[in-house]
Amino acid sequence: MLFHQAIIHLKPRPRGYHLVTGEILAGIPEVARVRTGFLHLFLQHTSASLFLNENADPDVRADFEHWSQEAIPDGARYLVHRLEGPDDMPAHLKSGLFGTSQTIPIGKGHLLLGTWQGVYLGEHRDDGGRRTVVATLWGEE
């Protein structure tokens, strides 16, 4: 049985939705050793999100950004929390909606994602900086 944990520091990205599957796998190469198991990913932030979705057409990522900006605009007058600027509370709400963790099955050393699935980082702040993911791997070698 293999148990392994890694802290992955994702490079800073602009506001938007970004595929980070490759960056995650580069940060935890031990996935290749697992015959059957799971990879749990946990984003240690409250103003970004981590989720699975379409990995092929970049229009999907643009549509996520357009929709989320319409649904929860920066500086919305109904929001009370404003300590860190007009994009802070909307970022917290988006993080809560999209989520901050995923558990992905592994088979024969590969993530068992669907054909069109990838791991997304939703960067919900104008200047979110580097984001940190705790990757916990467990399974049979």
Protein backbone atom coordinates (compact mmCIF):
# COMPACT_ATOMS: atom_id res chain seq x y z
CA MET A 1 0.00 0.00 0.00
CA LEU A 2 1.31 3.44 -0.92
CA PHE A 3 0.48 6.64 0.92
CA HIS A 4 2.08 9.87 -0.22
CA GLN A 5 1.35 13.55 0.24
CA ALA A 6 2.76 16.51 -1.66
CA ILE A 7 2.28 20.25 -1.48
CA ILE A 8 1.95 21.65 -5.00
CA HIS A 9 2.46 25.37 -5.57
CA LEU A 10 0.60 26.36 -8.73
CA LYS A 11 2.05 29.25 -10.68
CA PRO A 12 0.19 32.57 -10.34
CA ARG A 13 -2.52 33.06 -12.93
CA PRO A 14 -4.80 35.90 -13.95
CA ARG A 15 -8.46 35.88 -13.08
CA GLY A 16 -10.25 33.14 -15.00
CA TYR A 17 -10.50 29.38 -15.30
CA HIS A 18 -7.32 27.47 -16.02
CA LEU A 19 -6.54 23.82 -16.74
CA VAL A 20 -3.96 22.64 -14.21
CA THR A 21 -4.03 18.86 -14.73
CA GLY A 22 -0.47 18.76 -16.08
CA GLU A 23 0.87 20.97 -13.31
CA ILE A 24 -0.81 18.77 -10.68
CA LEU A 25 0.63 15.57 -12.18
CA ALA A 26 4.09 17.13 -12.41
CA GLY A 27 3.86 17.88 -8.69
CA ILE A 28 3.01 14.31 -7.72
CA PRO A 29 4.77 11.91 -10.13
CA GLU A 30 4.13 9.05 -7.67
CA VAL A 31 0.72 8.67 -9.34
CA ALA A 32 2.49 6.56 -11.98
CA ARG A 33 3.29 3.94 -9.29
CA VAL A 34 -0.35 3.34 -8.31
CA ARG A 35 -2.16 0.38 -9.85
CA THR A 36 -5.48 1.09 -8.11
CA GLY A 37 -6.17 4.03 -5.85
CA PHE A 38 -7.19 7.64 -5.40
CA LEU A 39 -5.73 11.11 -5.57
CA HIS A 40 -7.36 13.69 -3.33
CA LEU A 41 -6.70 17.35 -4.16
CA PHE A 42 -7.42 20.14 -1.71
CA LEU A 43 -6.95 23.81 -2.56
CA GLN A 44 -5.89 25.79 0.52
CA HIS A 45 -7.65 29.03 -0.43
CA THR A 46 -11.05 30.66 0.06
CA SER A 47 -10.99 32.89 -3.03
CA ALA A 48 -10.20 30.29 -5.71
CA SER A 49 -11.69 26.94 -6.66
CA LEU A 50 -10.64 23.51 -7.88
CA PHE A 51 -13.00 21.37 -9.94
CA LEU A 52 -13.35 19.07 -12.96
CA ASN A 53 -14.78 20.06 -16.30
CA GLU A 54 -14.29 20.27 -20.10
CA ASN A 55 -10.63 20.10 -21.07
CA ALA A 56 -10.75 20.61 -24.83
CA ASP A 57 -12.56 23.77 -25.91
CA PRO A 58 -11.19 26.99 -24.35
CA ASP A 59 -14.59 28.62 -24.94
CA VAL A 60 -15.84 26.63 -21.95
CA ARG A 61 -13.33 28.35 -19.68
CA ALA A 62 -14.32 31.76 -21.07
CA ASP A 63 -17.99 30.93 -20.54
CA PHE A 64 -17.34 29.99 -16.91
CA GLU A 65 -15.76 33.41 -16.40
CA HIS A 66 -18.55 35.28 -18.21
CA TRP A 67 -21.27 33.44 -16.30
CA SER A 68 -19.63 33.81 -12.89
CA GLN A 69 -19.03 37.55 -13.43
CA GLU A 70 -22.70 38.02 -14.36
CA ALA A 71 -23.96 35.86 -11.48
CA ILE A 72 -21.70 37.37 -8.81
CA PRO A 73 -20.27 40.69 -10.00
CA ASP A 74 -17.42 42.46 -8.24
CA GLY A 75 -18.58 45.21 -5.91
CA ALA A 76 -22.21 44.05 -5.87
CA ARG A 77 -24.10 46.44 -3.59
CA TYR A 78 -25.77 43.59 -1.67
CA LEU A 79 -22.40 42.24 -0.37
CA VAL A 80 -21.23 43.36 3.08
CA HIS A 81 -17.67 41.94 3.35
CA ARG A 82 -15.38 44.41 1.56
CA LEU A 83 -12.17 44.40 3.65
CA GLU A 84 -9.93 43.20 0.81
CA GLY A 85 -11.51 44.96 -2.13
CA PRO A 86 -14.51 44.60 -4.43
CA ASP A 87 -13.38 41.21 -5.85
CA ASP A 88 -12.87 39.51 -2.46
CA MET A 89 -16.38 38.52 -1.37
CA PRO A 90 -17.42 37.54 -4.91
CA ALA A 91 -14.31 35.31 -4.96
CA HIS A 92 -15.37 33.66 -1.68
CA LEU A 93 -18.84 32.97 -3.07
CA LYS A 94 -17.45 31.48 -6.31
CA SER A 95 -15.04 29.33 -4.31
CA GLY A 96 -17.97 28.02 -2.29
CA LEU A 97 -20.04 27.31 -5.39
CA PHE A 98 -17.35 25.57 -7.43
CA GLY A 99 -15.60 23.89 -4.47
CA THR A 100 -12.02 23.44 -3.38
CA SER A 101 -11.42 19.69 -3.48
CA GLN A 102 -11.66 16.67 -5.73
CA THR A 103 -11.07 12.95 -5.31
CA ILE A 104 -10.02 11.29 -8.56
CA PRO A 105 -9.67 7.52 -9.06
CA ILE A 106 -6.38 6.14 -10.36
CA GLY A 107 -5.93 3.03 -12.49
CA LYS A 108 -2.69 1.63 -13.88
CA GLY A 109 -0.75 4.79 -13.03
CA HIS A 110 -3.19 7.24 -14.63
CA LEU A 111 -5.95 9.52 -13.42
CA LEU A 112 -9.22 7.95 -14.53
CA LEU A 113 -10.70 11.18 -15.83
CA GLY A 114 -13.31 11.12 -18.56
CA THR A 115 -12.20 11.77 -22.14
CA TRP A 116 -13.07 15.47 -21.95
CA GLN A 117 -12.30 16.12 -18.28
CA GLY A 118 -9.50 18.17 -16.77
CA VAL A 119 -8.68 19.70 -13.39
CA TYR A 120 -9.52 23.41 -13.29
CA LEU A 121 -8.24 26.18 -11.09
CA GLY A 122 -10.83 28.92 -10.87
CA GLU A 123 -8.90 32.10 -10.07
CA HIS A 124 -11.53 34.48 -8.77
CA ARG A 125 -9.34 37.44 -7.78
CA ASP A 126 -7.61 40.01 -9.96
CA ASP A 127 -4.34 39.31 -8.12
CA GLY A 128 -4.73 35.96 -6.37
CA GLY A 129 -1.04 35.05 -6.53
CA ARG A 130 0.39 31.57 -6.20
CA ARG A 131 -2.13 28.93 -5.13
CA THR A 132 -1.35 25.85 -3.04
CA VAL A 133 -2.82 22.37 -3.44
CA VAL A 134 -2.39 19.51 -0.98
CA ALA A 135 -2.29 16.29 -3.00
CA THR A 136 -2.83 13.07 -1.04
CA LEU A 137 -2.30 9.80 -2.86
CA TRP A 138 -3.24 6.37 -1.64
CA GLY A 139 -3.50 3.02 -3.34
CA GLU A 140 -1.93 -0.29 -4.27
CA GLU A 141 1.36 -0.34 -6.13
